[in-house]
């Protein structure tokens, strides 16, 4: 959202001896019980439960599917060697060895997502969009493979899939059905051949329990529906990390399910169904969700992986609707801004921006800012996903002293050792704020698309302990110990408008405007009221 505050970080290191986050020894991740309260330990949460943690893996496909849509990695596998399609040049695909990354559960998404091939229905077949390459196809009847970065519409770029006994999958070109994608072991390349080369093995992304065939309920390569969050395991002895309700940060625990009961304090209610590897809202099919865990592997005590953020993204507006995240100083130093703008691998590619280009009088506005995720380069790259970027007015809103930057700078001052929980959101209907600034809906050309909605309003919802350094998890706090409020600004807010009581709104009142339910995991949070004095306003 705003320029990286390198000077501030360097000055803090010089004056106060701040060191880059050393996890797990020096800090505690935000989703763990704070057993040793202090300035370096974010507050814990995760209401107690005993459900066994699940993680996302690419699992070897071992059967056929009626619908092959989903996320895959395409490999030639021979014994312990796994060569994954990873790059392209001059009608040839090239592989990289990832055999060391294969475990009994499959290939962890942290290792596999960079090679992801998104398979989507198109005409009588499927398109294959490979990360770092583009859409692959076969434009002529010869041993070759072609690519394009634009969404294809011809059968040359459509494929069929067929599982074969022995574990291979034939990926056959729809336009030239006697050619299929294979591995040429002599030339060490992926190309289309008529059957003379090595067959391929593919891995499908899902929630893995380690099975390669599945039983229809594991969410892995069996293609069955995963009724997440409804385990009856109770006292199943799952690894909960101790007696205090700690759980792996790799996904919310329990996993968000139909009831919206999950552990992370900042999350709004999510009512979704799993479609392939995507989470789609049950009530609004235009809304997609994704949880992002810190890709740098930042860990707290017990080896728990810290979370980064959760996003709700609109296929209708092609803009993030909200981003929910914890804020704490553990995330704010250790690396530099990456500017690694890219598509989010956990949201369908075709509903996102196609480039980092701007338009409509707007620049690229982060929902969760780069300066708020500097604990590692890999984690910082995640906040440059297009799903965390919204169009914001360049000259008045997302600029030094602008309407949004001023609010962001003020929010930075609310970060505390107990952890600040935030939801950053956008709104798309005509809106007038309490100062009288009005903005109306508009469709603009932005991010290489011509159908992007420019938001009319942005908001920050904040929740934390009033003291900020109580050492208590929110679940252990009374309503009088918690403060929460919404800070709402019209997109037309000009430069030079200081944060004041006029920005404030109760969380309940904002819920009536947006239709979302916030902070369901903190039922005692005082959502229906606010005191400006609690926020120093």
Protein backbone atom coordinates (compact mmCIF):
# COMPACT_ATOMS: atom_id res chain seq x y z
CA UNK A 1 0.00 0.00 0.00
CA UNK A 2 2.73 2.41 0.85
CA UNK A 3 6.46 2.69 0.24
CA UNK A 4 8.57 0.28 2.24
CA UNK A 5 9.73 1.76 5.51
CA UNK A 6 13.34 0.61 5.20
CA UNK A 7 14.69 3.63 7.08
CA UNK A 8 12.40 2.96 10.03
CA UNK A 9 13.40 -0.70 10.25
CA UNK A 10 17.13 0.06 10.00
CA UNK A 11 16.83 2.82 12.62
CA UNK A 12 15.01 0.44 14.99
CA UNK A 13 17.77 -2.13 14.59
CA UNK A 14 20.46 0.48 15.28
CA UNK A 15 18.77 2.13 18.26
CA UNK A 16 17.11 -0.80 19.96
CA UNK A 17 19.12 -3.79 18.86
CA UNK A 18 16.15 -5.40 17.12
CA UNK A 19 17.16 -8.57 15.37
CA UNK A 20 15.48 -10.37 12.49
CA UNK A 21 12.95 -12.85 13.76
CA UNK A 22 14.60 -16.06 14.92
CA UNK A 23 11.94 -18.72 14.95
CA UNK A 24 11.25 -20.83 16.85
CA UNK A 25 13.65 -19.76 19.60
CA UNK A 26 12.87 -16.08 20.13
CA UNK A 27 9.18 -15.73 19.37
CA UNK A 28 5.90 -17.49 19.41
CA UNK A 29 3.65 -17.68 16.41
CA UNK A 30 0.32 -15.83 16.61
CA UNK A 31 -1.82 -18.97 16.71
CA UNK A 32 -0.32 -20.45 19.87
CA UNK A 33 -1.03 -20.00 23.56
CA UNK A 34 1.25 -17.36 25.07
CA UNK A 35 2.84 -19.21 27.96
CA UNK A 36 5.62 -16.67 28.44
CA UNK A 37 4.06 -13.25 27.87
CA UNK A 38 6.45 -10.61 26.65
CA UNK A 39 7.20 -8.06 23.99
CA UNK A 40 8.52 -10.68 21.57
CA UNK A 41 5.66 -13.15 21.91
CA UNK A 42 2.44 -12.63 19.95
CA UNK A 43 -0.71 -13.61 21.72
CA UNK A 44 -1.99 -17.13 21.21
CA UNK A 45 -5.43 -18.25 20.26
CA UNK A 46 -6.88 -21.41 18.72
CA UNK A 47 -9.83 -22.46 20.89
CA UNK A 48 -9.00 -25.91 22.21
CA UNK A 49 -9.78 -28.92 20.10
CA UNK A 50 -8.27 -32.31 19.47
CA UNK A 51 -8.78 -32.69 15.75
CA UNK A 52 -5.77 -34.03 13.96
CA UNK A 53 -4.04 -31.37 11.83
CA UNK A 54 -4.24 -31.77 8.06
CA UNK A 55 -1.96 -30.27 5.45
CA UNK A 56 -2.09 -29.74 1.72
CA UNK A 57 -0.09 -32.13 -0.47
CA UNK A 58 0.18 -33.13 -4.10
CA UNK A 59 -0.68 -36.83 -4.09
CA UNK A 60 0.12 -39.26 -6.89
CA UNK A 61 -2.96 -39.90 -9.02
CA UNK A 62 -3.95 -43.55 -8.79
CA UNK A 63 -7.37 -43.62 -10.46
CA UNK A 64 -9.50 -41.89 -13.06
CA UNK A 65 -11.83 -38.92 -12.39
CA UNK A 66 -15.10 -37.84 -13.93
CA UNK A 67 -13.82 -34.26 -13.64
CA UNK A 68 -10.09 -33.67 -13.90
CA UNK A 69 -10.29 -29.99 -12.96
CA UNK A 70 -7.85 -29.09 -10.24
CA UNK A 71 -4.22 -28.34 -9.47
CA UNK A 72 -1.50 -30.81 -10.45
CA UNK A 73 2.19 -31.17 -10.96
CA UNK A 74 3.21 -33.00 -14.14
CA UNK A 75 6.17 -35.36 -13.76
CA UNK A 76 8.14 -38.20 -15.20
CA UNK A 77 8.69 -40.53 -12.25
CA UNK A 78 11.11 -43.44 -12.25
CA UNK A 79 11.95 -45.01 -8.91
CA UNK A 80 13.06 -42.28 -6.54
CA UNK A 81 13.61 -39.81 -9.38
CA UNK A 82 10.80 -37.31 -9.97
CA UNK A 83 11.30 -34.80 -12.78
CA UNK A 84 8.63 -32.08 -12.76
CA UNK A 85 7.69 -29.90 -15.75
CA UNK A 86 9.09 -26.56 -14.65
CA UNK A 87 10.20 -24.43 -17.61
CA UNK A 88 9.85 -24.01 -21.37
CA UNK A 89 11.94 -22.90 -24.34
CA UNK A 90 11.67 -23.33 -28.10
CA UNK A 91 8.95 -26.02 -28.28
CA UNK A 92 10.47 -28.02 -25.42
CA UNK A 93 9.52 -28.42 -21.79
CA UNK A 94 12.23 -28.97 -19.22
CA UNK A 95 12.19 -30.77 -15.91
CA UNK A 96 13.76 -30.27 -12.51
CA UNK A 97 14.47 -33.05 -10.02
CA UNK A 98 12.25 -32.97 -6.90
CA UNK A 99 12.50 -36.60 -5.82
CA UNK A 100 13.91 -35.57 -2.45
CA UNK A 101 10.68 -33.66 -1.76
CA UNK A 102 8.45 -36.73 -2.05
CA UNK A 103 7.30 -38.17 1.28
CA UNK A 104 4.88 -40.91 2.22
CA UNK A 105 2.15 -38.26 2.13
CA UNK A 106 3.08 -36.89 -1.29
CA UNK A 107 4.70 -33.57 -2.18
CA UNK A 108 3.95 -30.74 0.24
CA UNK A 109 2.25 -27.74 -1.34
CA UNK A 110 5.12 -25.54 -0.14
CA UNK A 111 7.39 -27.54 -2.48
CA UNK A 112 4.91 -28.21 -5.28
CA UNK A 113 2.98 -24.97 -5.78
CA UNK A 114 5.77 -23.33 -7.78
CA UNK A 115 5.33 -26.03 -10.46
CA UNK A 116 1.53 -26.12 -10.35
CA UNK A 117 -0.41 -26.91 -13.50
CA UNK A 118 -3.98 -25.57 -13.27
CA UNK A 119 -6.38 -27.83 -15.16
CA UNK A 120 -9.72 -26.27 -16.09
CA UNK A 121 -12.64 -27.42 -18.23
CA UNK A 122 -12.73 -25.87 -21.70
CA UNK A 123 -14.93 -27.03 -24.57
CA UNK A 124 -14.69 -30.79 -24.84
CA UNK A 125 -11.43 -30.95 -22.95
CA UNK A 126 -9.27 -29.11 -20.45
CA UNK A 127 -6.72 -26.33 -20.58
CA UNK A 128 -3.41 -26.73 -18.73
CA UNK A 129 -1.84 -23.55 -17.36
CA UNK A 130 1.60 -24.31 -15.91
CA UNK A 131 3.11 -21.91 -13.39
CA UNK A 132 6.04 -20.04 -14.90
CA UNK A 133 5.23 -21.29 -18.42
CA UNK A 134 1.66 -20.53 -19.45
CA UNK A 135 -0.92 -22.58 -21.33
CA UNK A 136 0.61 -25.59 -23.10
CA UNK A 137 -0.66 -27.00 -26.38
CA UNK A 138 0.28 -28.59 -29.71
CA UNK A 139 -0.12 -26.38 -32.76
CA UNK A 140 1.12 -28.82 -35.43
CA UNK A 141 1.35 -32.57 -35.96
CA UNK A 142 4.96 -33.07 -34.93
CA UNK A 143 7.05 -33.91 -31.89
CA UNK A 144 6.74 -30.60 -30.11
CA UNK A 145 4.92 -28.61 -27.42
CA UNK A 146 3.77 -25.01 -27.67
CA UNK A 147 2.72 -22.37 -25.17
CA UNK A 148 0.73 -19.16 -24.93
CA UNK A 149 0.11 -16.69 -22.13
CA UNK A 150 -3.37 -15.76 -23.34
CA UNK A 151 -6.44 -17.83 -22.53
CA UNK A 152 -6.73 -20.30 -25.43
CA UNK A 153 -9.91 -21.08 -27.32
CA UNK A 154 -8.79 -23.74 -29.82
CA UNK A 155 -8.50 -27.51 -29.44
CA UNK A 156 -4.77 -27.16 -30.02
CA UNK A 157 -4.61 -26.01 -26.41
CA UNK A 158 -7.11 -28.45 -24.99
CA UNK A 159 -6.34 -31.87 -23.56
CA UNK A 160 -7.98 -35.06 -22.33
CA UNK A 161 -6.81 -37.15 -19.38
CA UNK A 162 -6.85 -40.92 -19.03
CA UNK A 163 -5.52 -42.97 -16.12
CA UNK A 164 -3.77 -46.20 -17.10
CA UNK A 165 -2.99 -49.35 -15.15
CA UNK A 166 0.48 -49.06 -13.72
CA UNK A 167 0.03 -45.49 -12.51
CA UNK A 168 0.62 -43.39 -15.62
CA UNK A 169 -1.75 -40.74 -16.95
CA UNK A 170 -2.10 -40.06 -20.68
CA UNK A 171 -2.45 -36.34 -21.38
CA UNK A 172 -3.67 -36.35 -24.98
CA UNK A 173 -4.02 -33.31 -27.21
CA UNK A 174 -7.64 -32.77 -28.23
CA UNK A 175 -6.80 -31.22 -31.59
CA UNK A 176 -4.31 -33.95 -32.55
CA UNK A 177 -5.52 -36.99 -30.68
CA UNK A 178 -2.66 -39.27 -31.76
CA UNK A 179 -0.22 -37.09 -29.80
CA UNK A 180 0.16 -37.06 -26.05
CA UNK A 181 2.56 -35.36 -23.64
CA UNK A 182 5.51 -37.61 -22.76
CA UNK A 183 9.07 -37.53 -21.41
CA UNK A 184 11.97 -38.04 -23.82
CA UNK A 185 14.63 -39.66 -21.64
CA UNK A 186 17.32 -39.36 -24.32
CA UNK A 187 16.89 -35.61 -24.80
CA UNK A 188 15.66 -34.91 -21.23
CA UNK A 189 12.64 -32.91 -22.41
CA UNK A 190 8.85 -32.93 -22.25
CA UNK A 191 7.16 -32.93 -25.67
CA UNK A 192 4.20 -34.44 -27.49
CA UNK A 193 4.78 -37.77 -29.17
CA UNK A 194 2.69 -40.54 -30.69
CA UNK A 195 3.58 -42.97 -27.91
CA UNK A 196 7.25 -43.66 -28.46
CA UNK A 197 8.52 -42.06 -25.25
CA UNK A 198 8.09 -42.38 -21.48
CA UNK A 199 4.64 -42.03 -19.90
CA UNK A 200 3.93 -39.42 -17.24
CA UNK A 201 2.88 -39.51 -13.61
CA UNK A 202 0.89 -36.62 -12.20
CA UNK A 203 0.20 -35.48 -8.66
CA UNK A 204 -3.05 -33.81 -7.61
CA UNK A 205 -3.31 -31.18 -4.89
CA UNK A 206 -5.58 -31.81 -1.93
CA UNK A 207 -5.77 -32.35 1.82
CA UNK A 208 -3.69 -35.48 2.26
CA UNK A 209 -3.75 -38.25 4.80
CA UNK A 210 -0.98 -40.04 2.94
CA UNK A 211 -3.14 -42.31 0.77
CA UNK A 212 -2.49 -42.44 -2.96
CA UNK A 213 -5.86 -43.96 -3.83
CA UNK A 214 -8.11 -42.52 -1.16
CA UNK A 215 -11.39 -43.67 0.27
CA UNK A 216 -13.61 -40.87 -0.99
CA UNK A 217 -13.33 -38.83 2.21
CA UNK A 218 -9.68 -37.89 2.54
CA UNK A 219 -9.68 -34.97 0.12
CA UNK A 220 -6.66 -36.42 -1.66
CA UNK A 221 -6.15 -37.81 -5.16
CA UNK A 222 -9.25 -39.99 -4.95
CA UNK A 223 -11.32 -36.98 -5.94
CA UNK A 224 -13.80 -37.55 -3.12
CA UNK A 225 -15.44 -34.72 -1.22
CA UNK A 226 -13.68 -33.70 1.97
CA UNK A 227 -16.24 -32.83 4.62
CA UNK A 228 -13.65 -30.80 6.49
CA UNK A 229 -14.11 -29.74 10.05
CA UNK A 230 -16.64 -32.48 10.84
CA UNK A 231 -14.32 -35.06 12.34
CA UNK A 232 -15.76 -37.19 15.10
CA UNK A 233 -12.27 -38.13 16.25
CA UNK A 234 -12.56 -36.24 19.52
CA UNK A 235 -9.91 -37.91 21.67
CA UNK A 236 -8.08 -39.45 18.76
CA UNK A 237 -4.66 -38.57 20.07
CA UNK A 238 -3.93 -36.16 17.26
CA UNK A 239 -0.82 -34.03 17.63
CA UNK A 240 -2.21 -30.90 19.17
CA UNK A 241 1.13 -29.73 20.47
CA UNK A 242 0.30 -29.82 24.17
CA UNK A 243 -2.48 -29.23 26.63
CA UNK A 244 -3.13 -25.61 25.70
CA UNK A 245 -4.97 -26.06 22.43
CA UNK A 246 -1.96 -25.32 20.21
CA UNK A 247 -2.26 -26.61 16.66
CA UNK A 248 -0.27 -26.56 13.47
CA UNK A 249 -0.48 -23.24 11.66
CA UNK A 250 -0.49 -24.95 8.27
CA UNK A 251 -4.26 -24.60 8.04
CA UNK A 252 -6.87 -23.36 10.50
CA UNK A 253 -7.60 -25.98 13.12
CA UNK A 254 -10.25 -27.17 13.04
CA UNK A 255 -10.41 -26.69 9.30
CA UNK A 256 -13.05 -24.16 8.18
CA UNK A 257 -16.17 -26.12 7.41
CA UNK A 258 -19.83 -25.62 6.77
CA UNK A 259 -20.44 -24.20 10.26
CA UNK A 260 -17.72 -21.57 10.01
CA UNK A 261 -16.20 -22.88 13.26
CA UNK A 262 -12.43 -22.46 13.06
CA UNK A 263 -9.75 -21.19 15.36
CA UNK A 264 -8.12 -18.07 13.95
CA UNK A 265 -9.41 -14.98 15.70
CA UNK A 266 -9.24 -12.66 12.67
CA UNK A 267 -11.30 -14.81 10.29
CA UNK A 268 -14.84 -13.85 9.27
CA UNK A 269 -17.38 -16.64 8.88
CA UNK A 270 -16.55 -18.74 5.83
CA UNK A 271 -19.23 -21.06 4.47
CA UNK A 272 -17.67 -22.87 1.57
CA UNK A 273 -17.41 -26.08 -0.40
CA UNK A 274 -14.24 -27.57 -1.82
CA UNK A 275 -14.21 -27.77 -5.64
CA UNK A 276 -11.04 -29.52 -6.71
CA UNK A 277 -8.34 -27.51 -4.96
CA UNK A 278 -10.46 -24.35 -4.66
CA UNK A 279 -12.62 -23.10 -1.80
CA UNK A 280 -15.86 -21.58 -3.16
CA UNK A 281 -18.52 -19.83 -1.11
CA UNK A 282 -21.75 -21.82 -0.82
CA UNK A 283 -23.98 -18.75 -1.03
CA UNK A 284 -22.07 -16.70 -3.59
CA UNK A 285 -20.29 -18.72 -6.26
CA UNK A 286 -18.28 -15.62 -7.20
CA UNK A 287 -16.32 -15.71 -3.94
CA UNK A 288 -13.16 -17.78 -3.55
CA UNK A 289 -11.07 -18.23 -0.42
CA UNK A 290 -7.43 -19.10 0.22
CA UNK A 291 -5.33 -19.52 3.36
CA UNK A 292 -1.66 -18.60 3.04
CA UNK A 293 0.87 -19.96 5.52
CA UNK A 294 4.24 -18.21 5.83
CA UNK A 295 6.19 -19.58 2.87
CA UNK A 296 9.47 -18.79 4.60
CA UNK A 297 8.71 -21.49 7.14
CA UNK A 298 8.66 -19.13 10.13
CA UNK A 299 7.97 -21.32 13.12
CA UNK A 300 7.19 -20.95 16.78
CA UNK A 301 7.84 -23.30 19.72
CA UNK A 302 7.13 -26.92 18.93
CA UNK A 303 7.79 -26.38 15.22
CA UNK A 304 4.42 -24.81 14.47
CA UNK A 305 4.30 -22.89 11.19
CA UNK A 306 3.05 -19.31 11.41
CA UNK A 307 0.21 -18.18 9.19
CA UNK A 308 0.39 -15.25 6.78
CA UNK A 309 -3.14 -14.26 5.76
CA UNK A 310 -6.51 -15.42 4.43
CA UNK A 311 -8.12 -13.83 1.39
CA UNK A 312 -11.66 -13.67 0.03
CA UNK A 313 -11.47 -12.86 -3.70
CA UNK A 314 -14.29 -11.94 -6.07
CA UNK A 315 -14.61 -13.50 -9.51
CA UNK A 316 -17.22 -10.85 -10.31
CA UNK A 317 -15.13 -7.82 -9.42
CA UNK A 318 -11.66 -9.41 -9.92
CA UNK A 319 -10.62 -7.67 -6.70
CA UNK A 320 -10.05 -8.89 -3.14
CA UNK A 321 -13.16 -8.46 -1.00
CA UNK A 322 -11.29 -8.85 2.27
CA UNK A 323 -7.98 -10.01 3.68
CA UNK A 324 -7.71 -11.20 7.30
CA UNK A 325 -4.41 -11.42 9.16
CA UNK A 326 -2.61 -11.13 12.50
CA UNK A 327 -0.28 -8.15 12.97
CA UNK A 328 2.76 -8.41 15.22
CA UNK A 329 6.33 -7.20 15.14
CA UNK A 330 7.58 -10.78 14.60
CA UNK A 331 6.53 -10.33 10.96
CA UNK A 332 8.11 -6.93 10.39
CA UNK A 333 11.87 -7.47 10.03
CA UNK A 334 14.40 -9.88 8.55
CA UNK A 335 14.01 -9.36 4.81
CA UNK A 336 13.39 -6.71 2.15
CA UNK A 337 10.50 -5.84 -0.12
CA UNK A 338 10.43 -8.26 -3.09
CA UNK A 339 8.01 -6.59 -5.55
CA UNK A 340 7.29 -10.15 -6.71
CA UNK A 341 3.87 -9.46 -8.27
CA UNK A 342 2.30 -12.74 -9.39
CA UNK A 343 -0.92 -14.70 -9.54
CA UNK A 344 -2.11 -16.47 -6.42
CA UNK A 345 -1.64 -20.24 -6.89
CA UNK A 346 -4.61 -21.00 -4.62
CA UNK A 347 -7.21 -18.96 -6.55
CA UNK A 348 -8.30 -19.70 -10.15
CA UNK A 349 -5.88 -17.98 -12.49
CA UNK A 350 -8.48 -16.76 -14.96
CA UNK A 351 -10.32 -14.54 -12.45
CA UNK A 352 -7.17 -12.67 -11.36
CA UNK A 353 -5.27 -9.78 -12.96
CA UNK A 354 -3.16 -10.80 -15.94
CA UNK A 355 -0.35 -8.36 -15.23
CA UNK A 356 0.85 -5.72 -12.78
CA UNK A 357 -0.24 -2.92 -15.11
CA UNK A 358 -2.52 -0.23 -13.69
CA UNK A 359 -5.33 1.99 -14.99
CA UNK A 360 -8.53 3.83 -14.14
CA UNK A 361 -6.58 6.46 -12.22
CA UNK A 362 -5.39 3.82 -9.78
CA UNK A 363 -2.14 2.25 -8.68
CA UNK A 364 -1.50 -1.08 -6.95
CA UNK A 365 -2.83 -0.99 -3.41
CA UNK A 366 -1.89 -3.76 -1.01
CA UNK A 367 -4.57 -4.91 1.38
CA UNK A 368 -2.00 -6.42 3.76
CA UNK A 369 1.08 -4.27 3.26
CA UNK A 370 4.56 -5.35 2.26
CA UNK A 371 6.07 -3.66 5.33
CA UNK A 372 3.83 -5.86 7.48
CA UNK A 373 5.38 -9.09 6.17
CA UNK A 374 9.18 -8.82 6.16
CA UNK A 375 10.02 -11.88 8.26
CA UNK A 376 11.37 -13.62 5.13
CA UNK A 377 11.54 -13.01 1.39
CA UNK A 378 9.29 -16.00 0.69
CA UNK A 379 6.61 -14.71 3.05
CA UNK A 380 6.88 -11.20 1.60
CA UNK A 381 6.34 -12.58 -1.90
CA UNK A 382 2.95 -13.88 -0.83
CA UNK A 383 1.62 -10.38 -0.14
CA UNK A 384 2.43 -9.52 -3.77
CA UNK A 385 -0.11 -12.04 -5.02
CA UNK A 386 -2.66 -10.23 -7.18
CA UNK A 387 -5.38 -11.43 -4.82
CA UNK A 388 -3.93 -9.08 -2.17
CA UNK A 389 -3.88 -6.09 -4.54
CA UNK A 390 -6.75 -3.64 -5.12
CA UNK A 391 -6.98 -0.60 -7.43
CA UNK A 392 -6.67 2.58 -5.36
CA UNK A 393 -6.63 6.19 -6.52
CA UNK A 394 -3.03 7.16 -7.24
CA UNK A 395 -3.04 10.86 -6.50
CA UNK A 396 -5.28 11.10 -3.45
CA UNK A 397 -5.75 7.76 -1.70
CA UNK A 398 -2.75 5.44 -2.06
CA UNK A 399 0.04 7.98 -1.84
CA UNK A 400 2.03 9.78 0.80
CA UNK A 401 -0.46 11.59 3.06
CA UNK A 402 -3.33 10.08 1.08
CA UNK A 403 -6.64 8.97 2.50
CA UNK A 404 -5.65 5.32 2.82
CA UNK A 405 -1.98 5.75 3.66
CA UNK A 406 -2.88 8.01 6.56
CA UNK A 407 -5.17 5.34 7.99
CA UNK A 408 -2.56 2.63 7.42
CA UNK A 409 0.09 4.61 9.26
CA UNK A 410 -2.29 5.07 12.18
CA UNK A 411 -3.09 1.34 12.27
CA UNK A 412 0.64 0.59 12.50
CA UNK A 413 0.57 2.31 15.87
CA UNK A 414 -1.99 -0.22 17.13
CA UNK A 415 0.29 -3.25 16.68
CA UNK A 416 0.99 -4.69 20.11
CA UNK A 417 2.72 -7.59 21.86
CA UNK A 418 -0.67 -9.26 22.46
CA UNK A 419 -1.22 -9.31 18.64
CA UNK A 420 -3.53 -7.08 16.62
CA UNK A 421 -6.11 -8.91 14.48
CA UNK A 422 -7.23 -7.15 11.31
CA UNK A 423 -9.65 -7.51 8.42
CA UNK A 424 -8.93 -5.20 5.48
CA UNK A 425 -11.83 -4.93 3.07
CA UNK A 426 -13.22 -3.31 -0.06
CA UNK A 427 -16.81 -2.38 -0.99
CA UNK A 428 -18.29 -1.93 -4.47
CA UNK A 429 -21.66 -0.16 -4.14
CA UNK A 430 -22.17 3.60 -4.03
CA UNK A 431 -20.93 4.82 -0.67
CA UNK A 432 -20.86 8.07 1.29
CA UNK A 433 -18.80 8.20 4.48
CA UNK A 434 -19.44 10.25 7.62
CA UNK A 435 -17.41 13.15 6.23
CA UNK A 436 -19.65 13.31 3.15
CA UNK A 437 -17.14 11.92 0.64
CA UNK A 438 -19.01 9.87 -1.98
CA UNK A 439 -17.78 7.42 -4.60
CA UNK A 440 -19.79 5.50 -7.17
CA UNK A 441 -19.12 2.12 -8.81
CA UNK A 442 -17.03 1.97 -11.97
CA UNK A 443 -15.53 -0.70 -14.20
CA UNK A 444 -11.97 0.02 -15.26
CA UNK A 445 -9.11 -1.44 -17.27
CA UNK A 446 -6.58 -2.65 -14.74
CA UNK A 447 -4.10 -5.49 -14.39
CA UNK A 448 -4.37 -6.43 -18.04
CA UNK A 449 -8.17 -6.80 -17.81
CA UNK A 450 -11.01 -4.56 -18.93
CA UNK A 451 -13.59 -5.77 -16.40
CA UNK A 452 -12.18 -4.80 -12.99
CA UNK A 453 -14.43 -3.09 -10.44
CA UNK A 454 -12.96 -0.04 -8.76
CA UNK A 455 -13.95 -0.11 -5.06
CA UNK A 456 -15.96 2.76 -3.62
CA UNK A 457 -14.90 2.25 -0.01
CA UNK A 458 -12.14 0.56 1.97
CA UNK A 459 -12.19 -0.44 5.62
CA UNK A 460 -9.98 -1.74 8.40
CA UNK A 461 -11.49 -3.77 11.24
CA UNK A 462 -9.25 -3.98 14.30
CA UNK A 463 -9.43 -6.21 17.37
CA UNK A 464 -6.97 -6.56 20.24
CA UNK A 465 -6.75 -6.42 24.02
CA UNK A 466 -7.16 -2.96 25.44
CA UNK A 467 -3.89 -3.20 27.36
CA UNK A 468 -1.94 -4.56 24.40
CA UNK A 469 0.55 -6.31 26.66
CA UNK A 470 -1.68 -8.42 28.90
CA UNK A 471 -0.15 -11.74 27.86
CA UNK A 472 -3.68 -13.14 27.57
CA UNK A 473 -5.25 -14.91 24.60
CA UNK A 474 -8.49 -13.30 23.43
CA UNK A 475 -10.42 -16.43 24.30
CA UNK A 476 -9.44 -15.84 27.92
CA UNK A 477 -10.47 -12.17 27.93
CA UNK A 478 -13.77 -10.68 28.99
CA UNK A 479 -15.60 -8.26 26.71
CA UNK A 480 -14.38 -5.35 28.83
CA UNK A 481 -10.76 -6.36 28.15
CA UNK A 482 -11.19 -6.31 24.35
CA UNK A 483 -11.58 -3.43 21.95
CA UNK A 484 -12.76 -3.78 18.36
CA UNK A 485 -14.02 -1.27 15.81
CA UNK A 486 -14.28 -0.63 12.07
CA UNK A 487 -12.42 2.26 10.44
CA UNK A 488 -14.16 3.17 7.18
CA UNK A 489 -13.11 5.60 4.44
CA UNK A 490 -14.70 6.46 1.11
CA UNK A 491 -12.35 5.90 -1.80
CA UNK A 492 -12.78 9.63 -2.49
CA UNK A 493 -11.12 10.60 0.80
CA UNK A 494 -8.49 13.18 -0.15
CA UNK A 495 -5.01 13.83 1.16
CA UNK A 496 -4.49 15.38 4.55
CA UNK A 497 -7.49 13.89 6.39
CA UNK A 498 -6.35 12.78 9.84
CA UNK A 499 -7.82 9.72 11.53
CA UNK A 500 -10.64 10.73 13.86
CA UNK A 501 -13.88 9.55 15.44
CA UNK A 502 -15.55 10.20 12.06
CA UNK A 503 -13.80 7.15 10.65
CA UNK A 504 -15.26 4.87 13.30
CA UNK A 505 -18.18 2.49 13.00
CA UNK A 506 -19.24 -0.48 15.10
CA UNK A 507 -18.33 -3.83 13.63
CA UNK A 508 -22.01 -4.83 13.71
CA UNK A 509 -22.97 -1.80 11.64
CA UNK A 510 -20.31 -2.64 9.05
CA UNK A 511 -21.66 -6.20 8.92
CA UNK A 512 -25.03 -4.77 7.87
CA UNK A 513 -23.34 -3.01 4.95
CA UNK A 514 -21.02 -5.77 3.70
CA UNK A 515 -23.07 -8.86 4.57
CA UNK A 516 -20.10 -10.61 6.21
CA UNK A 517 -19.94 -11.76 9.84
CA UNK A 518 -16.68 -10.83 11.53
CA UNK A 519 -14.83 -12.37 14.49
CA UNK A 520 -17.08 -15.39 15.09
CA UNK A 521 -14.27 -17.04 17.08
CA UNK A 522 -14.38 -14.29 19.70
CA UNK A 523 -18.08 -14.35 20.60
CA UNK A 524 -17.59 -11.97 23.53
CA UNK A 525 -16.00 -9.29 21.30
CA UNK A 526 -17.95 -6.01 21.72
CA UNK A 527 -18.97 -5.74 18.08
CA UNK A 528 -22.12 -3.69 18.64
CA UNK A 529 -20.38 -0.70 20.20
CA UNK A 530 -17.12 1.21 20.30
CA UNK A 531 -15.48 3.93 22.33
CA UNK A 532 -13.36 6.41 20.39
CA UNK A 533 -11.36 7.04 23.55
CA UNK A 534 -10.23 3.40 23.57
CA UNK A 535 -8.38 4.21 20.37
CA UNK A 536 -7.04 7.55 21.52
CA UNK A 537 -9.51 9.48 19.33
